[in-house]
Amino acid sequence: MTATAGSGRRARGSAAAPARFVDGYLGYLLGQANHALYKDFDARVRAAGLSSIEWRVLATLQDSEPLTVSQLALDVLSKQPTVTKLVQRMAEQGWVAVQADAADQRRTLVAITAAGRRLVRPLLQQARHHEAQALSALAAPEQAALKALLARLAGR
C-alpha cells in the first residue's frame, strides 16, 4: 500500500518499512496487542464484578501455591503497596486468604479461597475462548512460537 497523501503514514500491513517509529517498535506493538486482546474481555471481567487487577490476582492464584505479596505484585504487574491493600479488600470479600509464612513470619502468603475459585472459574473459561479467537489467524505452531518468544522476552 502507499502512504496516505500528506500524512507520511503507511497503511498497516504494508510490505514497506513502517513510516512511524511506533509502528515498528516492539513496546508499542506489544501494548497494542495487549489492548486488542483485553479491551473486549475487560467488559466480561467487570460484568463479573471484578476490576482488572482483581481478575489478575484471582487468575494468578487459581492454579498456584500461596504466593507472597511481593511475588503476587510482580505476577500481576502492580506495585506491592497497591497489592497489599487490594489483598486486604479481597480477603474481606472472602476471595483470598492471608496467612503468615511459616518459614518467615515477616512475609505474608496469599491463597485463593473456594469462593474466589468459584468466581474466577467461569472467567478463566471465557479467557481461554477469547484467546483462542484472538489467535485463530495463526496456525498452532505459530501460536506456540509466539507464546514461547513472549515468555522468553519476559524472562520466564
N, C-alpha and C. Protein backbone atom coordinates (compact mmCIF):
# COMPACT_ATOMS: atom_id res chain seq x y z
N MET A 1 0.84 -1.17 0.00
CA MET A 1 0.00 0.00 0.00
C MET A 1 0.88 1.23 0.00
N THR A 2 0.31 2.31 -0.33
CA THR A 2 1.08 3.54 -0.40
C THR A 2 0.81 4.41 0.81
N ALA A 3 1.67 5.37 0.98
CA ALA A 3 1.49 6.31 2.08
C ALA A 3 0.26 7.17 1.81
N THR A 4 -0.41 7.55 2.85
CA THR A 4 -1.55 8.43 2.72
C THR A 4 -1.03 9.81 2.36
N ALA A 5 -1.66 10.45 1.40
CA ALA A 5 -1.19 11.76 0.92
C ALA A 5 -1.05 12.73 2.07
N GLY A 6 0.13 13.30 2.19
CA GLY A 6 0.39 14.33 3.18
C GLY A 6 0.57 13.83 4.60
N SER A 7 0.34 12.55 4.86
CA SER A 7 0.43 12.09 6.25
C SER A 7 1.78 11.48 6.58
N GLY A 8 2.46 10.96 5.59
CA GLY A 8 3.72 10.29 5.86
C GLY A 8 3.52 8.92 6.49
N ARG A 9 2.29 8.47 6.59
CA ARG A 9 1.99 7.18 7.21
C ARG A 9 1.66 6.16 6.15
N ARG A 10 2.08 4.95 6.39
CA ARG A 10 1.73 3.85 5.51
C ARG A 10 0.61 3.06 6.16
N ALA A 11 -0.22 2.48 5.35
CA ALA A 11 -1.29 1.64 5.89
C ALA A 11 -0.67 0.42 6.55
N ARG A 12 -1.30 -0.02 7.62
CA ARG A 12 -0.81 -1.23 8.30
C ARG A 12 -0.87 -2.39 7.33
N GLY A 13 0.10 -3.28 7.46
CA GLY A 13 0.14 -4.45 6.58
C GLY A 13 0.97 -4.20 5.34
N SER A 14 1.47 -2.99 5.19
CA SER A 14 2.29 -2.65 4.05
C SER A 14 3.60 -3.42 4.12
N ALA A 15 4.11 -3.81 2.95
CA ALA A 15 5.37 -4.54 2.89
C ALA A 15 6.56 -3.62 3.15
N ALA A 16 6.36 -2.33 2.95
CA ALA A 16 7.43 -1.37 3.16
C ALA A 16 7.64 -1.15 4.66
N ALA A 17 8.78 -0.58 4.99
CA ALA A 17 9.09 -0.30 6.39
C ALA A 17 8.05 0.65 6.96
N PRO A 18 7.76 0.52 8.25
CA PRO A 18 6.78 1.42 8.87
C PRO A 18 7.21 2.87 8.72
N ALA A 19 6.25 3.75 8.47
CA ALA A 19 6.54 5.16 8.31
C ALA A 19 6.75 5.84 9.66
N ARG A 20 6.13 5.31 10.70
CA ARG A 20 6.28 5.90 12.03
C ARG A 20 7.11 4.96 12.90
N PHE A 21 7.90 5.53 13.77
CA PHE A 21 8.72 4.74 14.68
C PHE A 21 7.87 3.74 15.45
N VAL A 22 6.76 4.20 16.02
CA VAL A 22 5.95 3.35 16.89
C VAL A 22 5.37 2.14 16.17
N ASP A 23 5.16 2.25 14.85
CA ASP A 23 4.57 1.14 14.10
C ASP A 23 5.49 -0.07 14.01
N GLY A 24 6.76 0.12 14.28
CA GLY A 24 7.70 -0.99 14.27
C GLY A 24 8.37 -1.22 15.61
N TYR A 25 7.98 -0.44 16.64
CA TYR A 25 8.61 -0.51 17.95
C TYR A 25 7.96 -1.61 18.78
N LEU A 26 8.76 -2.53 19.28
CA LEU A 26 8.25 -3.70 19.99
C LEU A 26 7.35 -3.32 21.16
N GLY A 27 7.77 -2.38 21.98
CA GLY A 27 6.96 -1.99 23.12
C GLY A 27 5.58 -1.51 22.71
N TYR A 28 5.52 -0.71 21.65
CA TYR A 28 4.25 -0.22 21.14
C TYR A 28 3.41 -1.36 20.59
N LEU A 29 4.03 -2.23 19.81
CA LEU A 29 3.30 -3.36 19.23
C LEU A 29 2.76 -4.28 20.31
N LEU A 30 3.55 -4.53 21.35
CA LEU A 30 3.08 -5.36 22.46
C LEU A 30 1.92 -4.68 23.19
N GLY A 31 2.03 -3.37 23.38
CA GLY A 31 0.95 -2.63 24.02
C GLY A 31 -0.32 -2.67 23.19
N GLN A 32 -0.19 -2.50 21.89
CA GLN A 32 -1.35 -2.56 21.02
C GLN A 32 -1.97 -3.95 21.01
N ALA A 33 -1.13 -4.97 21.00
CA ALA A 33 -1.64 -6.35 21.04
C ALA A 33 -2.35 -6.61 22.35
N ASN A 34 -1.78 -6.13 23.45
CA ASN A 34 -2.40 -6.29 24.75
C ASN A 34 -3.77 -5.60 24.79
N HIS A 35 -3.81 -4.39 24.28
CA HIS A 35 -5.06 -3.65 24.26
C HIS A 35 -6.11 -4.38 23.40
N ALA A 36 -5.70 -4.84 22.24
CA ALA A 36 -6.64 -5.55 21.37
C ALA A 36 -7.16 -6.82 22.03
N LEU A 37 -6.31 -7.50 22.76
CA LEU A 37 -6.71 -8.75 23.39
C LEU A 37 -7.65 -8.51 24.56
N TYR A 38 -7.40 -7.47 25.35
CA TYR A 38 -8.15 -7.30 26.58
C TYR A 38 -9.28 -6.29 26.55
N LYS A 39 -9.38 -5.48 25.51
CA LYS A 39 -10.42 -4.45 25.51
C LYS A 39 -11.82 -5.06 25.60
N ASP A 40 -12.09 -6.13 24.91
CA ASP A 40 -13.41 -6.76 24.97
C ASP A 40 -13.54 -7.64 26.21
N PHE A 41 -12.48 -8.32 26.56
CA PHE A 41 -12.54 -9.23 27.71
C PHE A 41 -12.72 -8.46 29.01
N ASP A 42 -12.18 -7.26 29.08
CA ASP A 42 -12.31 -6.47 30.30
C ASP A 42 -13.78 -6.22 30.65
N ALA A 43 -14.63 -6.10 29.65
CA ALA A 43 -16.06 -5.91 29.91
C ALA A 43 -16.64 -7.14 30.61
N ARG A 44 -16.17 -8.31 30.27
CA ARG A 44 -16.63 -9.54 30.92
C ARG A 44 -16.16 -9.60 32.38
N VAL A 45 -14.94 -9.15 32.60
CA VAL A 45 -14.39 -9.11 33.96
C VAL A 45 -15.23 -8.17 34.82
N ARG A 46 -15.51 -7.01 34.28
CA ARG A 46 -16.30 -6.02 35.03
C ARG A 46 -17.73 -6.51 35.25
N ALA A 47 -18.29 -7.21 34.27
CA ALA A 47 -19.64 -7.76 34.42
C ALA A 47 -19.69 -8.80 35.55
N ALA A 48 -18.55 -9.46 35.80
CA ALA A 48 -18.47 -10.44 36.88
C ALA A 48 -18.25 -9.76 38.24
N GLY A 49 -18.13 -8.43 38.23
CA GLY A 49 -17.97 -7.69 39.47
C GLY A 49 -16.53 -7.52 39.93
N LEU A 50 -15.59 -7.70 39.01
CA LEU A 50 -14.17 -7.59 39.35
C LEU A 50 -13.52 -6.45 38.59
N SER A 51 -12.49 -5.87 39.19
CA SER A 51 -11.62 -4.94 38.46
C SER A 51 -10.59 -5.79 37.71
N SER A 52 -9.87 -5.16 36.80
CA SER A 52 -8.88 -5.93 36.05
C SER A 52 -7.78 -6.47 36.95
N ILE A 53 -7.38 -5.72 37.97
CA ILE A 53 -6.32 -6.22 38.86
C ILE A 53 -6.85 -7.35 39.75
N GLU A 54 -8.11 -7.27 40.18
CA GLU A 54 -8.69 -8.38 40.96
C GLU A 54 -8.72 -9.64 40.12
N TRP A 55 -9.08 -9.50 38.84
CA TRP A 55 -9.08 -10.63 37.91
C TRP A 55 -7.68 -11.23 37.80
N ARG A 56 -6.67 -10.37 37.66
CA ARG A 56 -5.30 -10.88 37.52
C ARG A 56 -4.86 -11.60 38.78
N VAL A 57 -5.23 -11.08 39.95
CA VAL A 57 -4.87 -11.74 41.21
C VAL A 57 -5.52 -13.12 41.28
N LEU A 58 -6.81 -13.19 41.04
CA LEU A 58 -7.50 -14.47 41.14
C LEU A 58 -7.03 -15.46 40.08
N ALA A 59 -6.81 -14.97 38.86
CA ALA A 59 -6.32 -15.86 37.79
C ALA A 59 -4.92 -16.39 38.12
N THR A 60 -4.09 -15.55 38.72
CA THR A 60 -2.74 -15.95 39.10
C THR A 60 -2.77 -16.99 40.21
N LEU A 61 -3.62 -16.78 41.19
CA LEU A 61 -3.68 -17.68 42.35
C LEU A 61 -4.45 -18.97 42.06
N GLN A 62 -5.26 -18.97 41.01
CA GLN A 62 -6.14 -20.11 40.71
C GLN A 62 -5.41 -21.45 40.72
N ASP A 63 -4.28 -21.51 40.08
CA ASP A 63 -3.55 -22.79 40.00
C ASP A 63 -2.14 -22.63 40.53
N SER A 64 -2.03 -21.88 41.61
CA SER A 64 -0.73 -21.59 42.20
C SER A 64 -0.74 -21.96 43.67
N GLU A 65 0.44 -22.26 44.18
CA GLU A 65 0.61 -22.36 45.63
C GLU A 65 0.43 -20.96 46.19
N PRO A 66 0.22 -20.82 47.49
CA PRO A 66 0.15 -19.48 48.06
C PRO A 66 1.42 -18.69 47.71
N LEU A 67 1.22 -17.41 47.41
CA LEU A 67 2.32 -16.55 47.00
C LEU A 67 2.52 -15.43 48.01
N THR A 68 3.75 -14.97 48.12
CA THR A 68 3.99 -13.79 48.94
C THR A 68 3.36 -12.60 48.23
N VAL A 69 3.08 -11.56 49.00
CA VAL A 69 2.51 -10.36 48.40
C VAL A 69 3.47 -9.78 47.37
N SER A 70 4.76 -9.80 47.66
CA SER A 70 5.72 -9.25 46.70
C SER A 70 5.76 -10.05 45.40
N GLN A 71 5.69 -11.37 45.48
CA GLN A 71 5.67 -12.19 44.26
C GLN A 71 4.36 -11.97 43.51
N LEU A 72 3.26 -11.89 44.23
CA LEU A 72 1.97 -11.64 43.60
C LEU A 72 1.98 -10.30 42.87
N ALA A 73 2.57 -9.29 43.50
CA ALA A 73 2.66 -7.97 42.86
C ALA A 73 3.44 -8.06 41.54
N LEU A 74 4.53 -8.80 41.55
CA LEU A 74 5.30 -8.99 40.31
C LEU A 74 4.46 -9.70 39.25
N ASP A 75 3.76 -10.73 39.67
CA ASP A 75 2.97 -11.53 38.73
C ASP A 75 1.79 -10.77 38.13
N VAL A 76 1.20 -9.88 38.90
CA VAL A 76 0.03 -9.15 38.40
C VAL A 76 0.39 -7.76 37.87
N LEU A 77 1.68 -7.50 37.78
CA LEU A 77 2.19 -6.27 37.17
C LEU A 77 1.72 -5.02 37.91
N SER A 78 1.87 -5.04 39.22
CA SER A 78 1.45 -3.92 40.04
C SER A 78 2.46 -3.67 41.15
N LYS A 79 2.31 -2.57 41.83
CA LYS A 79 3.21 -2.23 42.93
C LYS A 79 2.78 -2.94 44.20
N GLN A 80 3.76 -3.29 45.03
CA GLN A 80 3.47 -4.05 46.25
C GLN A 80 2.48 -3.34 47.18
N PRO A 81 2.61 -2.04 47.44
CA PRO A 81 1.63 -1.40 48.33
C PRO A 81 0.19 -1.48 47.78
N THR A 82 0.05 -1.37 46.47
CA THR A 82 -1.27 -1.49 45.85
C THR A 82 -1.83 -2.88 46.06
N VAL A 83 -0.99 -3.89 45.86
CA VAL A 83 -1.44 -5.28 46.01
C VAL A 83 -1.72 -5.59 47.48
N THR A 84 -0.95 -5.04 48.38
CA THR A 84 -1.20 -5.25 49.80
C THR A 84 -2.61 -4.78 50.17
N LYS A 85 -2.96 -3.57 49.76
CA LYS A 85 -4.30 -3.03 50.05
C LYS A 85 -5.38 -3.84 49.34
N LEU A 86 -5.11 -4.20 48.09
CA LEU A 86 -6.07 -4.99 47.32
C LEU A 86 -6.33 -6.34 47.97
N VAL A 87 -5.27 -7.02 48.39
CA VAL A 87 -5.40 -8.33 49.02
C VAL A 87 -6.24 -8.22 50.30
N GLN A 88 -6.04 -7.15 51.05
CA GLN A 88 -6.85 -6.95 52.26
C GLN A 88 -8.33 -6.85 51.91
N ARG A 89 -8.65 -6.07 50.88
CA ARG A 89 -10.06 -5.94 50.45
C ARG A 89 -10.60 -7.27 49.92
N MET A 90 -9.79 -7.99 49.17
CA MET A 90 -10.23 -9.26 48.60
C MET A 90 -10.41 -10.30 49.71
N ALA A 91 -9.61 -10.22 50.76
CA ALA A 91 -9.78 -11.12 51.90
C ALA A 91 -11.11 -10.82 52.61
N GLU A 92 -11.45 -9.54 52.71
CA GLU A 92 -12.73 -9.16 53.32
C GLU A 92 -13.91 -9.67 52.49
N GLN A 93 -13.72 -9.76 51.19
CA GLN A 93 -14.75 -10.30 50.29
C GLN A 93 -14.82 -11.83 50.38
N GLY A 94 -13.79 -12.43 50.94
CA GLY A 94 -13.74 -13.89 51.04
C GLY A 94 -13.14 -14.57 49.82
N TRP A 95 -12.51 -13.79 48.95
CA TRP A 95 -11.95 -14.35 47.71
C TRP A 95 -10.55 -14.89 47.88
N VAL A 96 -9.80 -14.35 48.84
CA VAL A 96 -8.45 -14.82 49.13
C VAL A 96 -8.30 -14.97 50.63
N ALA A 97 -7.32 -15.77 51.03
CA ALA A 97 -6.97 -15.93 52.44
C ALA A 97 -5.52 -15.47 52.61
N VAL A 98 -5.27 -14.82 53.72
CA VAL A 98 -3.94 -14.30 54.03
C VAL A 98 -3.43 -15.00 55.28
N GLN A 99 -2.17 -15.41 55.23
CA GLN A 99 -1.56 -16.07 56.39
C GLN A 99 -0.08 -15.73 56.45
N ALA A 100 0.48 -15.79 57.64
CA ALA A 100 1.91 -15.57 57.79
C ALA A 100 2.66 -16.77 57.21
N ASP A 101 3.80 -16.51 56.62
CA ASP A 101 4.66 -17.55 56.08
C ASP A 101 5.34 -18.27 57.25
N ALA A 102 5.15 -19.57 57.36
CA ALA A 102 5.74 -20.34 58.46
C ALA A 102 7.27 -20.25 58.45
N ALA A 103 7.86 -20.12 57.28
CA ALA A 103 9.31 -20.05 57.16
C ALA A 103 9.86 -18.67 57.51
N ASP A 104 9.02 -17.63 57.38
CA ASP A 104 9.47 -16.27 57.65
C ASP A 104 8.24 -15.45 58.04
N GLN A 105 8.06 -15.25 59.32
CA GLN A 105 6.86 -14.59 59.84
C GLN A 105 6.69 -13.15 59.33
N ARG A 106 7.74 -12.57 58.77
CA ARG A 106 7.63 -11.21 58.24
C ARG A 106 6.90 -11.19 56.91
N ARG A 107 6.82 -12.34 56.27
CA ARG A 107 6.19 -12.41 54.95
C ARG A 107 4.75 -12.88 55.07
N THR A 108 3.91 -12.35 54.19
CA THR A 108 2.51 -12.74 54.14
C THR A 108 2.27 -13.56 52.89
N LEU A 109 1.58 -14.67 53.05
CA LEU A 109 1.22 -15.51 51.92
C LEU A 109 -0.25 -15.29 51.57
N VAL A 110 -0.54 -15.34 50.30
CA VAL A 110 -1.90 -15.13 49.81
C VAL A 110 -2.31 -16.37 49.02
N ALA A 111 -3.51 -16.88 49.32
CA ALA A 111 -4.05 -18.05 48.62
C ALA A 111 -5.48 -17.75 48.21
N ILE A 112 -5.91 -18.36 47.14
CA ILE A 112 -7.29 -18.21 46.70
C ILE A 112 -8.18 -19.10 47.56
N THR A 113 -9.39 -18.65 47.82
CA THR A 113 -10.36 -19.44 48.59
C THR A 113 -11.32 -20.14 47.63
N ALA A 114 -12.15 -21.00 48.18
CA ALA A 114 -13.16 -21.69 47.36
C ALA A 114 -14.08 -20.66 46.70
N ALA A 115 -14.45 -19.60 47.43
CA ALA A 115 -15.30 -18.55 46.86
C ALA A 115 -14.59 -17.84 45.71
N GLY A 116 -13.30 -17.59 45.87
CA GLY A 116 -12.52 -16.97 44.80
C GLY A 116 -12.45 -17.86 43.57
N ARG A 117 -12.29 -19.16 43.80
CA ARG A 117 -12.25 -20.11 42.68
C ARG A 117 -13.58 -20.13 41.94
N ARG A 118 -14.68 -20.14 42.68
CA ARG A 118 -16.00 -20.15 42.04
C ARG A 118 -16.20 -18.89 41.20
N LEU A 119 -15.71 -17.77 41.70
CA LEU A 119 -15.86 -16.51 41.00
C LEU A 119 -15.03 -16.47 39.72
N VAL A 120 -13.80 -16.95 39.78
CA VAL A 120 -12.88 -16.80 38.65
C VAL A 120 -13.00 -17.93 37.62
N ARG A 121 -13.48 -19.08 38.02
CA ARG A 121 -13.53 -20.23 37.11
C ARG A 121 -14.24 -19.93 35.79
N PRO A 122 -15.45 -19.35 35.80
CA PRO A 122 -16.09 -19.06 34.50
C PRO A 122 -15.30 -18.05 33.68
N LEU A 123 -14.65 -17.11 34.34
CA LEU A 123 -13.85 -16.13 33.61
C LEU A 123 -12.63 -16.78 32.96
N LEU A 124 -12.06 -17.76 33.62
CA LEU A 124 -10.92 -18.47 33.02
C LEU A 124 -11.35 -19.17 31.74
N GLN A 125 -12.52 -19.78 31.76
CA GLN A 125 -13.04 -20.45 30.56
C GLN A 125 -13.27 -19.41 29.46
N GLN A 126 -13.86 -18.28 29.82
CA GLN A 126 -14.09 -17.22 28.84
C GLN A 126 -12.77 -16.68 28.30
N ALA A 127 -11.77 -16.55 29.17
CA ALA A 127 -10.46 -16.05 28.75
C ALA A 127 -9.81 -17.01 27.76
N ARG A 128 -9.93 -18.30 28.02
CA ARG A 128 -9.36 -19.29 27.08
C ARG A 128 -10.04 -19.19 25.72
N HIS A 129 -11.36 -19.06 25.73
CA HIS A 129 -12.11 -18.94 24.48
C HIS A 129 -11.74 -17.64 23.76
N HIS A 130 -11.66 -16.56 24.51
CA HIS A 130 -11.31 -15.26 23.94
C HIS A 130 -9.91 -15.30 23.32
N GLU A 131 -8.98 -15.93 24.02
CA GLU A 131 -7.61 -16.06 23.50
C GLU A 131 -7.60 -16.89 22.22
N ALA A 132 -8.35 -17.98 22.21
CA ALA A 132 -8.40 -18.83 21.02
C ALA A 132 -8.93 -18.05 19.82
N GLN A 133 -9.93 -17.23 20.04
CA GLN A 133 -10.45 -16.40 18.95
C GLN A 133 -9.41 -15.40 18.47
N ALA A 134 -8.72 -14.78 19.42
CA ALA A 134 -7.72 -13.78 19.06
C ALA A 134 -6.56 -14.38 18.28
N LEU A 135 -6.22 -15.62 18.60
CA LEU A 135 -5.09 -16.29 17.94
C LEU A 135 -5.51 -17.12 16.74
N SER A 136 -6.76 -17.13 16.40
CA SER A 136 -7.26 -18.02 15.35
C SER A 136 -6.64 -17.74 13.98
N ALA A 137 -6.12 -16.54 13.76
CA ALA A 137 -5.47 -16.23 12.48
C ALA A 137 -4.10 -16.89 12.36
N LEU A 138 -3.58 -17.42 13.48
CA LEU A 138 -2.27 -18.06 13.47
C LEU A 138 -2.42 -19.58 13.53
N ALA A 139 -1.55 -20.28 12.85
CA ALA A 139 -1.52 -21.75 12.93
C ALA A 139 -1.03 -22.15 14.32
N ALA A 140 -1.36 -23.35 14.74
CA ALA A 140 -0.98 -23.83 16.08
C ALA A 140 0.52 -23.68 16.36
N PRO A 141 1.41 -24.04 15.41
CA PRO A 141 2.84 -23.84 15.69
C PRO A 141 3.21 -22.36 15.86
N GLU A 142 2.53 -21.47 15.12
CA GLU A 142 2.79 -20.04 15.27
C GLU A 142 2.32 -19.54 16.64
N GLN A 143 1.18 -20.04 17.09
CA GLN A 143 0.67 -19.68 18.40
C GLN A 143 1.66 -20.10 19.49
N ALA A 144 2.13 -21.34 19.40
CA ALA A 144 3.09 -21.84 20.38
C ALA A 144 4.40 -21.04 20.32
N ALA A 145 4.85 -20.72 19.12
CA ALA A 145 6.09 -19.95 18.97
C ALA A 145 5.93 -18.55 19.53
N LEU A 146 4.79 -17.92 19.26
CA LEU A 146 4.53 -16.58 19.79
C LEU A 146 4.57 -16.58 21.32
N LYS A 147 3.89 -17.53 21.92
CA LYS A 147 3.87 -17.60 23.39
C LYS A 147 5.26 -17.89 23.95
N ALA A 148 6.00 -18.77 23.30
CA ALA A 148 7.35 -19.10 23.76
C ALA A 148 8.27 -17.89 23.65
N LEU A 149 8.18 -17.16 22.55
CA LEU A 149 9.02 -15.98 22.37
C LEU A 149 8.67 -14.89 23.38
N LEU A 150 7.38 -14.68 23.62
CA LEU A 150 6.97 -13.67 24.59
C LEU A 150 7.42 -14.06 26.01
N ALA A 151 7.30 -15.33 26.34
CA ALA A 151 7.76 -15.79 27.65
C ALA A 151 9.27 -15.58 27.79
N ARG A 152 9.99 -15.84 26.72
CA ARG A 152 11.44 -15.63 26.73
C ARG A 152 11.80 -14.16 26.91
N LEU A 153 11.09 -13.29 26.19
CA LEU A 153 11.32 -11.86 26.35
C LEU A 153 11.00 -11.40 27.76
N ALA A 154 10.00 -12.00 28.37
CA ALA A 154 9.61 -11.64 29.73
C ALA A 154 10.54 -12.25 30.77
N GLY A 155 11.47 -13.09 30.32
CA GLY A 155 12.44 -13.69 31.24
C GLY A 155 11.93 -14.90 31.98
N ARG A 156 10.97 -15.58 31.39
CA ARG A 156 10.41 -16.76 32.06
C ARG A 156 10.82 -18.03 31.39
